[in-house]
Amino acid sequence: MSKRDAVKYLAATYPNQSERWFCRNLAHIQSLNPERLHDLIFHSDPTARTAINNVMKEQAA
């Protein structure tokens, strides 16, 4: 599979990450075992989480 196809496949499979992110990190991703790959891809973004929580608080008020 070419790098372009791998990036497109990963971006389609994990829509919470961008194609650009997969392109920049492909070599590192390929070196990970499945458990570490899951931890990396599904890492929570604290800035986004804070923004979401703020919006939810505003809607509840």
Protein backbone atom coordinates (compact mmCIF):
# COMPACT_ATOMS: atom_id res chain seq x y z
CA MET A 1 0.00 0.00 0.00
CA SER A 2 1.38 3.42 -0.88
CA LYS A 3 1.82 6.11 1.75
CA ARG A 4 -1.03 8.14 0.21
CA ASP A 5 -3.39 5.14 0.30
CA ALA A 6 -2.39 4.28 3.87
CA VAL A 7 -3.04 7.85 5.04
CA LYS A 8 -6.43 7.95 3.29
CA TYR A 9 -7.40 4.58 4.78
CA LEU A 10 -6.39 5.60 8.32
CA ALA A 11 -8.18 8.95 8.04
CA ALA A 12 -11.35 7.20 6.86
CA THR A 13 -11.09 4.59 9.62
CA TYR A 14 -10.33 7.09 12.38
CA PRO A 15 -12.26 10.28 11.51
CA ASN A 16 -11.24 11.96 14.76
CA GLN A 17 -7.77 12.57 13.25
CA SER A 18 -6.93 14.44 10.05
CA GLU A 19 -5.11 13.10 6.99
CA ARG A 20 -2.35 15.61 7.67
CA TRP A 21 -1.85 14.19 11.19
CA PHE A 22 -1.56 10.66 9.79
CA CYS A 23 0.84 11.83 7.07
CA ARG A 24 3.15 13.51 9.61
CA ASN A 25 3.08 10.53 11.98
CA LEU A 26 2.92 7.55 9.61
CA ALA A 27 6.44 6.25 10.29
CA HIS A 28 5.82 6.34 14.05
CA ILE A 29 2.38 4.76 13.66
CA GLN A 30 3.81 1.88 11.64
CA SER A 31 6.30 1.10 14.43
CA LEU A 32 3.62 0.76 17.15
CA ASN A 33 1.95 -2.39 18.42
CA PRO A 34 -1.89 -2.38 18.23
CA GLU A 35 -2.42 -1.37 21.86
CA ARG A 36 -0.09 1.65 21.63
CA LEU A 37 -1.67 2.60 18.29
CA HIS A 38 -5.09 2.74 19.94
CA ASP A 39 -3.74 4.91 22.78
CA LEU A 40 -2.12 7.30 20.29
CA ILE A 41 -5.08 7.69 17.95
CA PHE A 42 -7.71 8.06 20.64
CA HIS A 43 -5.71 10.46 22.84
CA SER A 44 -8.04 13.09 24.26
CA ASP A 45 -7.37 16.73 23.36
CA PRO A 46 -7.69 18.70 26.64
CA THR A 47 -8.24 22.03 24.85
CA ALA A 48 -11.15 20.66 22.85
CA ARG A 49 -12.57 18.94 25.91
CA THR A 50 -12.50 22.23 27.85
CA ALA A 51 -14.24 24.04 24.98
CA ILE A 52 -16.93 21.36 24.76
CA ASN A 53 -17.50 21.46 28.52
CA ASN A 54 -17.84 25.27 28.42
CA VAL A 55 -20.45 25.08 25.65
CA MET A 56 -22.37 22.37 27.53
CA LYS A 57 -22.37 24.50 30.70
CA GLU A 58 -23.69 27.52 28.76
CA GLN A 59 -26.49 25.46 27.22
CA ALA A 60 -27.46 24.05 30.63
CA ALA A 61 -27.69 27.52 32.20
